[in-house]
Protein backbone atom coordinates (compact mmCIF):
# COMPACT_ATOMS: atom_id res chain seq x y z
CA UNK A 1 131.03 153.09 -32.97
CA UNK A 2 132.64 155.09 -30.29
CA UNK A 3 133.79 152.83 -27.21
CA UNK A 4 135.55 154.64 -24.93
CA UNK A 5 139.35 153.22 -22.87
CA UNK A 6 141.45 154.30 -20.10
CA UNK A 7 144.71 154.84 -21.21
CA UNK A 8 146.01 151.79 -19.91
CA UNK A 9 143.13 149.44 -21.07
CA UNK A 10 143.86 150.36 -24.64
CA UNK A 11 147.56 149.70 -24.32
CA UNK A 12 146.86 146.48 -22.83
CA UNK A 13 143.73 145.36 -24.95
CA UNK A 14 144.51 146.62 -28.19
CA UNK A 15 147.81 147.74 -28.58
CA UNK A 16 149.46 144.72 -27.04
CA UNK A 17 151.71 142.69 -29.72
CA UNK A 18 152.77 139.86 -27.49
CA UNK A 19 151.20 136.22 -27.17
CA UNK A 20 150.62 136.70 -23.81
CA UNK A 21 148.96 139.69 -21.68
CA UNK A 22 149.38 139.36 -18.37
CA UNK A 23 147.21 141.95 -16.07
CA UNK A 24 147.22 141.48 -12.60
CA UNK A 25 144.77 144.28 -10.88
CA UNK A 26 143.06 145.14 -7.66
CA UNK A 27 139.29 145.43 -7.37
CA UNK A 28 137.30 147.90 -9.54
CA UNK A 29 140.57 148.90 -11.88
CA UNK A 30 138.03 148.73 -14.82
CA UNK A 31 139.60 145.36 -16.23
CA UNK A 32 136.37 143.83 -16.67
CA UNK A 33 134.87 146.24 -18.48
CA UNK A 34 137.54 147.04 -20.74
CA UNK A 35 138.23 143.55 -21.93
CA UNK A 36 134.39 143.61 -22.89
CA UNK A 37 135.51 146.50 -25.07
CA UNK A 38 137.52 145.53 -26.57
CA UNK A 39 135.82 141.91 -27.45
CA UNK A 40 133.28 144.18 -29.06
CA UNK A 41 135.97 146.00 -31.24
CA UNK A 42 137.76 142.66 -32.26
CA UNK A 43 134.37 141.17 -33.21
CA UNK A 44 133.45 144.11 -35.31
CA UNK A 45 137.15 143.68 -36.79
CA UNK A 46 136.55 140.22 -38.03
CA UNK A 47 138.17 138.32 -34.88
CA UNK A 48 136.77 134.63 -33.26
CA UNK A 49 137.21 135.93 -29.68
CA UNK A 50 136.47 133.58 -26.58
CA UNK A 51 135.58 134.67 -22.96
CA UNK A 52 136.03 132.55 -20.40
CA UNK A 53 134.66 132.94 -16.88
CA UNK A 54 134.56 131.16 -13.87
CA UNK A 55 131.70 129.83 -13.47
CA UNK A 56 128.48 129.03 -15.82
CA UNK A 57 126.38 131.49 -13.79
CA UNK A 58 127.96 134.40 -14.32
CA UNK A 59 128.09 134.65 -17.93
CA UNK A 60 124.49 136.22 -18.58
CA UNK A 61 124.99 138.43 -15.53
CA UNK A 62 128.25 139.98 -17.67
CA UNK A 63 126.13 139.69 -21.04
CA UNK A 64 123.31 141.93 -19.36
CA UNK A 65 125.48 144.40 -17.26
CA UNK A 66 128.70 144.82 -19.58
CA UNK A 67 127.99 143.66 -23.37
CA UNK A 68 124.62 144.51 -23.71
CA UNK A 69 124.87 148.17 -22.67
CA UNK A 70 127.97 148.94 -24.95
CA UNK A 71 126.68 147.25 -28.42
CA UNK A 72 122.95 149.13 -27.41
CA UNK A 73 124.70 152.56 -26.83
CA UNK A 74 126.44 152.25 -30.37
CA UNK A 75 123.47 150.71 -32.22
CA UNK A 76 126.03 147.87 -33.08
CA UNK A 77 123.51 144.71 -34.72
CA UNK A 78 124.00 141.79 -32.64
CA UNK A 79 122.10 138.64 -31.96
CA UNK A 80 122.48 137.02 -28.70
CA UNK A 81 122.47 133.25 -28.24
CA UNK A 82 121.39 132.85 -24.69
CA UNK A 83 121.35 129.06 -25.23
CA UNK A 84 124.85 128.14 -26.82
CA UNK A 85 126.50 131.43 -25.21
CA UNK A 86 127.12 132.77 -28.63
CA UNK A 87 126.65 137.01 -29.54
CA UNK A 88 127.35 137.04 -33.07
CA UNK A 89 128.53 140.96 -34.46
CA UNK A 90 128.73 141.44 -38.35
CA UNK A 91 130.70 138.62 -39.88
CA UNK A 92 132.30 137.28 -36.26
CA UNK A 93 131.28 135.95 -33.19
CA UNK A 94 132.27 135.81 -29.54
CA UNK A 95 131.59 132.57 -27.62
CA UNK A 96 130.97 132.86 -23.76
CA UNK A 97 132.67 129.57 -21.65
CA UNK A 98 132.95 128.82 -18.21
CA UNK A 99 135.87 127.23 -16.29
CA UNK A 100 133.84 124.85 -14.11
CA UNK A 101 132.80 123.19 -17.54
CA UNK A 102 135.93 122.99 -19.32
CA UNK A 103 134.34 120.28 -21.64
CA UNK A 104 132.55 123.36 -23.43
CA UNK A 105 136.12 124.97 -24.04
CA UNK A 106 138.13 122.56 -26.07
CA UNK A 107 138.28 122.26 -29.31
CA UNK A 108 138.31 125.56 -31.46
CA UNK A 109 140.44 128.03 -31.93
CA UNK A 110 140.97 131.98 -31.82
CA UNK A 111 142.13 134.96 -32.89
CA UNK A 112 141.69 136.39 -29.06
CA UNK A 113 140.90 134.57 -25.59
CA UNK A 114 140.11 136.78 -22.61
CA UNK A 115 140.27 135.04 -19.38
CA UNK A 116 137.83 136.85 -16.93
CA UNK A 117 139.21 136.29 -12.86
CA UNK A 118 142.39 134.67 -14.31
CA UNK A 119 143.24 134.53 -10.89
CA UNK A 120 140.67 131.86 -10.41
CA UNK A 121 140.43 130.56 -13.58
CA UNK A 122 144.71 129.36 -13.70
CA UNK A 123 144.09 127.90 -9.95
CA UNK A 124 143.43 124.75 -12.34
CA UNK A 125 146.84 124.53 -14.13
CA UNK A 126 145.08 121.10 -16.57
CA UNK A 127 142.41 124.01 -17.87
CA UNK A 128 145.00 125.62 -18.89
CA UNK A 129 147.79 123.53 -20.13
CA UNK A 130 144.99 120.97 -22.06
CA UNK A 131 142.07 123.41 -23.16
CA UNK A 132 143.58 127.25 -23.35
CA UNK A 133 146.71 126.60 -25.03
CA UNK A 134 146.07 124.12 -27.76
CA UNK A 135 143.46 127.13 -28.60
CA UNK A 136 145.67 129.63 -29.53
CA UNK A 137 147.39 127.65 -32.23
CA UNK A 138 145.00 127.61 -35.37
CA UNK A 139 145.63 131.30 -35.71
CA UNK A 140 149.45 132.36 -36.16
CA UNK A 141 148.38 135.77 -34.54
CA UNK A 142 146.40 134.66 -31.68
CA UNK A 143 146.47 136.19 -27.93
CA UNK A 144 145.90 135.46 -24.59
CA UNK A 145 144.72 138.31 -22.30
CA UNK A 146 144.70 137.20 -18.92
CA UNK A 147 143.40 139.53 -15.81
CA UNK A 148 142.26 139.62 -12.72
CA UNK A 149 142.95 139.60 -9.32
CA UNK A 150 145.49 137.73 -7.97
CA UNK A 151 144.84 134.68 -5.71
CA UNK A 152 148.57 133.42 -4.04
CA UNK A 153 151.58 132.60 -5.51
CA UNK A 154 150.63 128.74 -5.09
CA UNK A 155 147.75 126.63 -5.97
CA UNK A 156 145.61 124.21 -3.93
CA UNK A 157 147.25 121.60 -4.49
CA UNK A 158 150.77 123.67 -3.21
CA UNK A 159 152.07 123.81 -6.63
CA UNK A 160 153.23 127.68 -7.94
CA UNK A 161 150.13 129.50 -9.08
CA UNK A 162 149.91 129.36 -12.95
CA UNK A 163 148.71 133.12 -12.98
CA UNK A 164 152.02 133.93 -10.76
CA UNK A 165 153.99 132.00 -13.41
CA UNK A 166 152.65 134.15 -16.19
CA UNK A 167 152.91 137.12 -14.20
CA UNK A 168 156.57 136.65 -13.65
CA UNK A 169 157.00 136.05 -17.45
CA UNK A 170 155.76 139.57 -18.22
CA UNK A 171 157.79 140.92 -15.81
CA UNK A 172 161.23 139.64 -16.40
CA UNK A 173 160.18 140.96 -20.16
CA UNK A 174 159.97 136.90 -21.27
CA UNK A 175 159.62 136.46 -25.34
CA UNK A 176 156.07 136.86 -26.38
CA UNK A 177 155.15 138.23 -22.88
CA UNK A 178 153.45 141.89 -21.64
CA UNK A 179 151.74 143.00 -19.03
CA UNK A 180 151.32 145.38 -16.06
CA UNK A 181 149.82 145.38 -12.58
CA UNK A 182 147.46 147.76 -11.38
CA UNK A 183 145.76 148.83 -8.27
CA UNK A 184 142.68 150.25 -7.37
CA UNK A 185 143.88 153.53 -7.77
CA UNK A 186 144.61 152.88 -11.68
CA UNK A 187 141.31 153.71 -12.28
CA UNK A 188 140.44 157.40 -13.32
CA UNK A 189 137.43 157.72 -12.46
CA UNK A 190 136.74 156.26 -9.15
CA UNK A 191 137.36 159.05 -6.13
CA UNK A 192 140.98 158.34 -4.07
CA UNK A 193 138.81 158.72 -0.85
CA UNK A 194 136.24 155.84 -1.98
CA UNK A 195 139.06 153.23 -2.43
CA UNK A 196 141.12 154.34 0.72
CA UNK A 197 138.00 154.01 2.55
CA UNK A 198 137.67 150.33 0.61
CA UNK A 199 141.02 149.76 1.54
CA UNK A 200 140.53 150.51 5.17
CA UNK A 201 137.52 147.90 5.29
CA UNK A 202 139.82 145.20 3.53
CA UNK A 203 142.33 145.85 5.81
CA UNK A 204 140.31 144.56 9.00
CA UNK A 205 140.19 141.19 7.50
CA UNK A 206 143.80 140.90 6.94
CA UNK A 207 147.19 142.93 5.61
CA UNK A 208 147.45 140.13 2.99
CA UNK A 209 143.78 140.83 1.52
CA UNK A 210 144.69 144.31 1.28
CA UNK A 211 147.87 143.94 -0.85
CA UNK A 212 146.15 141.29 -2.92
CA UNK A 213 142.71 143.25 -3.81
CA UNK A 214 143.93 146.86 -3.56
CA UNK A 215 147.39 146.33 -5.16
CA UNK A 216 146.81 143.18 -7.05
CA UNK A 217 150.03 141.54 -5.61
CA UNK A 218 151.20 137.99 -5.27
CA UNK A 219 151.36 137.60 -1.57
CA UNK A 220 152.00 134.67 0.33
CA UNK A 221 149.79 132.98 3.11
CA UNK A 222 150.20 133.60 6.67
CA UNK A 223 152.74 130.95 8.27
CA UNK A 224 150.78 131.18 11.71
CA UNK A 225 147.25 131.06 10.60
CA UNK A 226 145.35 128.27 9.98
CA UNK A 227 143.32 129.74 7.01
CA UNK A 228 144.57 133.03 4.65
CA UNK A 229 142.33 134.84 2.74
CA UNK A 230 143.81 133.38 -0.62
CA UNK A 231 143.45 129.93 0.95
CA UNK A 232 139.55 130.19 0.55
CA UNK A 233 137.04 131.05 -2.06
CA UNK A 234 134.49 133.48 -2.65
CA UNK A 235 131.00 134.09 -4.39
CA UNK A 236 128.78 136.79 -4.07
CA UNK A 237 124.98 135.78 -3.20
CA UNK A 238 123.50 137.32 -6.08
CA UNK A 239 125.19 135.06 -8.75
CA UNK A 240 124.43 131.96 -6.66
CA UNK A 241 122.42 129.27 -8.60
CA UNK A 242 119.97 128.35 -6.32
CA UNK A 243 117.80 126.06 -8.96
CA UNK A 244 120.94 123.60 -8.27
CA UNK A 245 120.46 123.26 -4.54
CA UNK A 246 120.88 119.43 -3.18
CA UNK A 247 120.34 120.12 0.63
CA UNK A 248 120.72 122.84 3.09
CA UNK A 249 122.59 122.55 6.53
CA UNK A 250 123.56 124.19 9.21
CA UNK A 251 125.40 123.87 12.85
CA UNK A 252 125.42 125.43 16.13
CA UNK A 253 128.26 126.23 18.04
CA UNK A 254 126.75 127.41 21.59
CA UNK A 255 128.20 129.91 23.42
CA UNK A 256 130.13 128.74 26.51
CA UNK A 257 130.25 131.92 28.97
CA UNK A 258 132.19 134.84 29.18
CA UNK A 259 133.11 136.52 25.68
CA UNK A 260 132.14 133.38 23.83
CA UNK A 261 129.80 133.81 20.21
CA UNK A 262 127.57 131.40 19.60
CA UNK A 263 128.29 130.82 16.09
CA UNK A 264 125.22 128.97 13.41
CA UNK A 265 126.94 129.06 9.72
CA UNK A 266 124.62 128.16 7.43
CA UNK A 267 125.09 126.03 3.80
CA UNK A 268 124.00 125.18 0.57
CA UNK A 269 124.84 122.20 -1.36
CA UNK A 270 125.86 122.99 -4.89
CA UNK A 271 127.50 120.37 -6.90
CA UNK A 272 130.39 119.92 -5.11
CA UNK A 273 131.05 122.79 -2.93
CA UNK A 274 129.51 124.20 0.00
CA UNK A 275 128.43 127.65 -0.02
CA UNK A 276 128.09 129.12 3.16
CA UNK A 277 125.10 131.97 2.93
CA UNK A 278 124.30 133.00 6.09
CA UNK A 279 125.62 133.01 9.50
CA UNK A 280 124.49 133.78 13.12
CA UNK A 281 127.38 135.00 15.11
CA UNK A 282 126.15 136.97 18.31
CA UNK A 283 127.32 137.16 22.24
CA UNK A 284 123.49 137.96 22.89
CA UNK A 285 122.02 135.61 25.53
CA UNK A 286 119.21 133.00 24.37
CA UNK A 287 116.41 135.15 24.62
CA UNK A 288 117.84 136.62 21.08
CA UNK A 289 119.85 133.36 19.68
CA UNK A 290 116.84 130.87 20.14
CA UNK A 291 114.61 132.44 18.23
CA UNK A 292 117.32 133.69 15.79
CA UNK A 293 118.26 130.45 15.41
CA UNK A 294 115.09 129.21 14.63
CA UNK A 295 113.91 131.88 12.36
CA UNK A 296 116.93 131.22 10.57
CA UNK A 297 116.45 127.15 9.93
CA UNK A 298 112.90 127.96 9.11
CA UNK A 299 113.32 130.50 6.32
CA UNK A 300 116.15 129.16 5.18
CA UNK A 301 114.51 125.20 5.00
CA UNK A 302 117.34 124.08 6.56
CA UNK A 303 117.42 120.04 6.06
CA UNK A 304 120.14 119.11 8.88
CA UNK A 305 121.36 120.67 11.84
CA UNK A 306 124.06 119.79 14.31
CA UNK A 307 124.13 121.40 17.88
CA UNK A 308 126.97 120.96 19.82
CA UNK A 309 125.63 119.70 23.24
CA UNK A 310 128.51 119.95 25.99
CA UNK A 311 127.71 122.53 28.72
CA UNK A 312 124.73 124.15 27.38
CA UNK A 313 124.37 122.87 24.29
CA UNK A 314 121.86 120.15 25.48
CA UNK A 315 119.31 122.46 26.91
CA UNK A 316 119.36 125.16 23.62
CA UNK A 317 119.24 122.05 21.27
CA UNK A 318 115.83 121.44 22.86
CA UNK A 319 114.77 124.77 23.42
CA UNK A 320 115.27 125.30 19.17
CA UNK A 321 113.54 121.63 18.60
CA UNK A 322 110.08 123.16 19.84
CA UNK A 323 110.62 125.66 17.06
CA UNK A 324 111.02 123.96 13.80
CA UNK A 325 109.41 121.35 12.14
CA UNK A 326 111.03 119.50 8.78
CA UNK A 327 114.43 119.74 10.05
CA UNK A 328 116.32 116.78 11.37
CA UNK A 329 118.50 118.04 14.36
CA UNK A 330 121.52 116.01 15.51
CA UNK A 331 123.22 116.55 18.79
CA UNK A 332 127.00 116.42 18.48
CA UNK A 333 128.70 116.35 22.21
CA UNK A 334 132.10 116.81 21.45
CA UNK A 335 135.06 115.04 23.22
CA UNK A 336 138.35 115.95 21.13
CA UNK A 337 139.74 119.75 21.93
CA UNK A 338 138.42 122.38 19.65
CA UNK A 339 141.95 123.07 18.10
CA UNK A 340 141.93 119.39 16.71
CA UNK A 341 138.69 119.56 15.08
CA UNK A 342 139.39 122.75 13.47
CA UNK A 343 143.02 121.37 12.09
CA UNK A 344 141.34 118.26 11.26
CA UNK A 345 138.53 120.21 8.95
CA UNK A 346 140.98 122.76 7.60
CA UNK A 347 141.69 120.56 4.74
CA UNK A 348 138.09 120.27 3.72
CA UNK A 349 137.25 123.88 4.26
CA UNK A 350 139.56 124.86 1.96
CA UNK A 351 138.85 122.30 -0.67
CA UNK A 352 135.19 122.58 -0.82
CA UNK A 353 134.13 125.43 1.05
CA UNK A 354 132.97 129.13 -0.61
CA UNK A 355 132.38 131.91 1.34
CA UNK A 356 130.48 135.41 0.87
CA UNK A 357 132.43 138.61 -0.40
CA UNK A 358 129.48 141.08 -0.69
CA UNK A 359 128.84 140.98 3.23
CA UNK A 360 128.31 144.26 5.47
CA UNK A 361 130.79 145.42 7.39
CA UNK A 362 130.21 145.14 10.88
CA UNK A 363 127.73 142.22 10.04
CA UNK A 364 127.06 138.81 11.76
CA UNK A 365 129.08 137.15 9.03
CA UNK A 366 132.15 139.75 8.92
CA UNK A 367 132.74 139.68 12.48
CA UNK A 368 132.68 135.63 12.07
CA UNK A 369 135.03 136.05 8.84
CA UNK A 370 137.29 137.93 10.64
CA UNK A 371 137.94 135.48 13.88
CA UNK A 372 138.27 132.82 10.96
CA UNK A 373 141.54 134.20 9.36
CA UNK A 374 142.66 135.43 12.68
CA UNK A 375 142.75 131.81 13.99
CA UNK A 376 146.38 130.71 14.58
CA UNK A 377 147.98 127.19 14.15
CA UNK A 378 149.36 126.85 17.68
CA UNK A 379 145.37 127.49 18.75
CA UNK A 380 146.54 130.61 21.04
CA UNK A 381 144.24 132.82 19.28
CA UNK A 382 141.86 134.15 21.71
CA UNK A 383 138.51 133.31 20.13
CA UNK A 384 137.69 129.89 18.11
CA UNK A 385 134.04 129.90 17.92
CA UNK A 386 134.08 130.66 14.06
CA UNK A 387 136.07 127.98 12.97
CA UNK A 388 135.22 125.70 15.28
CA UNK A 389 131.30 126.27 13.98
CA UNK A 390 132.51 125.38 10.45
CA UNK A 391 134.65 122.47 11.61
CA UNK A 392 130.99 121.33 12.84
CA UNK A 393 129.60 122.49 9.80
CA UNK A 394 132.09 120.54 7.57
CA UNK A 395 131.77 117.31 9.50
CA UNK A 396 128.13 117.24 9.14
CA UNK A 397 128.54 117.81 5.06
CA UNK A 398 130.62 114.65 4.91
CA UNK A 399 128.86 112.52 7.05
CA UNK A 400 125.55 113.39 4.93
CA UNK A 401 127.75 113.95 1.89
CA UNK A 402 129.87 111.05 1.59
CA UNK A 403 130.23 110.62 -1.79
CA UNK A 404 130.50 113.98 -2.50
CA UNK A 405 133.48 115.30 0.92
CA UNK A 406 134.04 112.02 2.47
């Protein structure tokens, strides 16, 4: 069997002797592939292994993209039960479970537990203390490997993030803890210039994002911003399970005048999350925006569309209404100030909204996110169209799905 590992992958995943190995790592360091190959080696050596991912729909993707090629290239006899998410190798197995279904994790013991994207998984402290830790008690030499890009020092409940807590113990050399902090530059097969370009691109979002996504730093949230990079949750559009969509909603903040943007985010309701899948964000005039918004409503089969009717909004609404059918268009005349609306909806956005992390640089989605992350708590940011439209969408979601988000 030939499963090549970088030096640091071997040191951390195979040679570590501590019970807890903590690995904060930037994007594309090789953390996932290193862990995957260590899993296969563990199972080949007769160990019982658990792989925990963030969401259930990720499991098949990770198996197909990481595990399957290595199994085939090394002629390893295996059996993959796609329904039960169990990979059998020799006389051992690798169980695949997800943090969004914690009830499937509890009750078993393992020699090795791998937490992929620990920054997301360990945001749920209950999952760690009530499911993960007990499973390390059944075997004397059991080990936990927590690896992923950090998601700040504080979790969404305002408490210290468990990933950060574990890393501090590893950094301080506490008994049974070890680890290493890795930047994107620790991947020896990546071109340095490509990483620098990625760093520049991420830097346009925020300085905190660079420190987190490239250098794997645990950064504090920006004190002057309503939304910091770490406040929000993210997804890849290819990972979204559209079979479970309960509803599609949209909101349009019509451009008033001058340098204002028209902002039209669209979301899909899946479970208890609001996934913002599409976003028209432009300074073009109505010759462009009316047909563009109408086309988006038809293509996405939007169920409910809220349109702000202040200023030119009522005229815009009537024109859009002529172009679409099957969508309930809801006129909204705003009486409160924009800043108040944004602040009032900020908690809902942080708790339930999920934004894309795979949009192209310079796209409408990219421009909208940059404006979202630059909006200040004092309301004196030069532009507020993106956060105001998200606040409108948040209000619509809470009105339509009161039992979920009310």
